[in-house]
């Protein structure tokens, strides 16, 4: 009878160990699942952040191009107006410096495009 009790106790001990191992396996699997989900969420957040940065950079580029072009043409026209008043000629310097301002704005476009590498 004692032998049967010892065998039963050993079986109970083995069952307890197996159930503990199963619980540990489940915990490990849960941890791996949680880590995988967390990594997936972080990757999605990084992807969204990169997309937002791309939109912001594109907006900055377009804004910079527009401002630079307008500035070049306006400076050319104002310089032409000033020189026309100073020299007493009517549209001569306005036309010349408007063309120079437009050429300068085209150069600025290429400089900015080379800087941004788009």
Protein backbone atom coordinates (compact mmCIF):
# COMPACT_ATOMS: atom_id res chain seq x y z
CA UNK A 1 0.00 0.00 0.00
CA UNK A 2 2.84 2.32 0.77
CA UNK A 3 4.28 1.64 -2.64
CA UNK A 4 1.01 2.67 -4.28
CA UNK A 5 0.92 5.87 -2.25
CA UNK A 6 4.51 6.63 -3.24
CA UNK A 7 3.72 6.01 -6.90
CA UNK A 8 0.61 8.21 -6.69
CA UNK A 9 2.59 10.95 -4.97
CA UNK A 10 5.27 10.75 -7.67
CA UNK A 11 2.59 10.95 -10.37
CA UNK A 12 1.01 13.94 -8.61
CA UNK A 13 4.42 15.62 -8.40
CA UNK A 14 4.99 14.98 -12.11
CA UNK A 15 1.54 16.34 -12.95
CA UNK A 16 2.23 19.44 -10.88
CA UNK A 17 5.55 19.94 -12.69
CA UNK A 18 3.90 19.43 -16.08
CA UNK A 19 1.15 21.91 -15.28
CA UNK A 20 3.77 24.44 -14.14
CA UNK A 21 5.74 23.89 -17.37
CA UNK A 22 2.55 24.33 -19.40
CA UNK A 23 1.79 27.56 -17.54
CA UNK A 24 5.34 28.78 -18.19
CA UNK A 25 5.01 27.89 -21.88
CA UNK A 26 1.75 29.79 -22.07
CA UNK A 27 3.33 32.80 -20.33
CA UNK A 28 6.28 32.72 -22.72
CA UNK A 29 3.95 32.52 -25.71
CA UNK A 30 1.87 35.40 -24.33
CA UNK A 31 5.04 37.46 -23.84
CA UNK A 32 6.15 36.72 -27.39
CA UNK A 33 2.72 37.66 -28.74
CA UNK A 34 2.74 40.91 -26.79
CA UNK A 35 6.24 41.73 -27.99
CA UNK A 36 5.27 40.99 -31.58
CA UNK A 37 2.20 43.22 -31.27
CA UNK A 38 4.26 45.99 -29.68
CA UNK A 39 6.87 45.75 -32.45
CA UNK A 40 4.16 45.86 -35.09
CA UNK A 41 2.62 48.95 -33.48
CA UNK A 42 6.01 50.67 -33.30
CA UNK A 43 6.69 49.91 -36.98
CA UNK A 44 3.32 51.35 -37.95
CA UNK A 45 4.00 54.46 -35.88
CA UNK A 46 7.40 54.93 -37.53
CA UNK A 47 5.86 54.46 -40.98
CA UNK A 48 3.16 57.03 -40.23
CA UNK A 49 5.76 59.44 -38.88
CA UNK A 50 7.89 59.06 -42.02
CA UNK A 51 4.84 59.69 -44.22
CA UNK A 52 4.00 62.84 -42.25
CA UNK A 53 7.61 64.01 -42.50
CA UNK A 54 7.50 63.45 -46.27
CA UNK A 55 4.38 65.57 -46.59
CA UNK A 56 5.87 68.33 -44.46
CA UNK A 57 9.11 68.28 -46.47
CA UNK A 58 7.20 68.47 -49.75
CA UNK A 59 5.12 71.38 -48.45
CA UNK A 60 8.29 73.16 -47.31
CA UNK A 61 9.87 72.66 -50.73
CA UNK A 62 6.86 74.04 -52.61
CA UNK A 63 6.60 77.00 -50.25
CA UNK A 64 10.30 77.76 -50.54
CA UNK A 65 10.15 77.61 -54.34
CA UNK A 66 7.17 79.96 -54.51
CA UNK A 67 8.63 82.51 -52.10
CA UNK A 68 12.04 82.50 -53.79
CA UNK A 69 10.53 82.92 -57.28
CA UNK A 70 8.27 85.76 -56.21
CA UNK A 71 11.10 87.48 -54.36
CA UNK A 72 13.42 87.37 -57.39
CA UNK A 73 10.81 88.79 -59.75
CA UNK A 74 9.68 91.50 -57.29
CA UNK A 75 13.26 92.61 -56.63
CA UNK A 76 13.86 92.77 -60.40
CA UNK A 77 10.73 94.86 -61.03
CA UNK A 78 11.42 97.22 -58.11
CA UNK A 79 15.03 97.70 -59.20
CA UNK A 80 13.83 98.43 -62.74
CA UNK A 81 11.30 100.95 -61.48
CA UNK A 82 13.93 102.69 -59.37
CA UNK A 83 16.40 102.91 -62.26
CA UNK A 84 13.65 104.10 -64.66
CA UNK A 85 12.77 106.95 -62.30
CA UNK A 86 16.42 107.78 -61.77
CA UNK A 87 17.30 107.75 -65.49
CA UNK A 88 13.99 109.11 -66.72
CA UNK A 89 13.34 106.19 -69.06
CA UNK A 90 9.91 104.65 -68.97
CA UNK A 91 9.71 100.87 -69.40
CA UNK A 92 13.29 100.05 -70.36
CA UNK A 93 14.79 99.06 -67.00
CA UNK A 94 11.54 97.48 -65.75
CA UNK A 95 11.57 95.10 -68.73
CA UNK A 96 15.28 94.34 -68.46
CA UNK A 97 15.25 93.73 -64.71
CA UNK A 98 11.98 91.77 -64.88
CA UNK A 99 13.67 89.41 -67.31
CA UNK A 100 16.75 89.23 -65.07
CA UNK A 101 14.52 88.54 -62.04
CA UNK A 102 12.77 85.75 -63.92
CA UNK A 103 16.11 84.25 -64.94
CA UNK A 104 17.29 84.46 -61.34
CA UNK A 105 14.12 82.68 -60.17
CA UNK A 106 14.76 79.84 -62.65
CA UNK A 107 18.31 79.52 -61.32
CA UNK A 108 16.96 79.44 -57.78
CA UNK A 109 14.58 76.62 -58.75
CA UNK A 110 17.47 74.51 -60.02
CA UNK A 111 19.60 75.30 -56.96
CA UNK A 112 16.82 74.28 -54.59
CA UNK A 113 16.06 71.14 -56.60
CA UNK A 114 19.72 70.11 -56.45
CA UNK A 115 19.81 70.80 -52.72
CA UNK A 116 16.69 68.72 -52.00
CA UNK A 117 17.59 65.96 -54.51
CA UNK A 118 14.02 65.40 -55.66
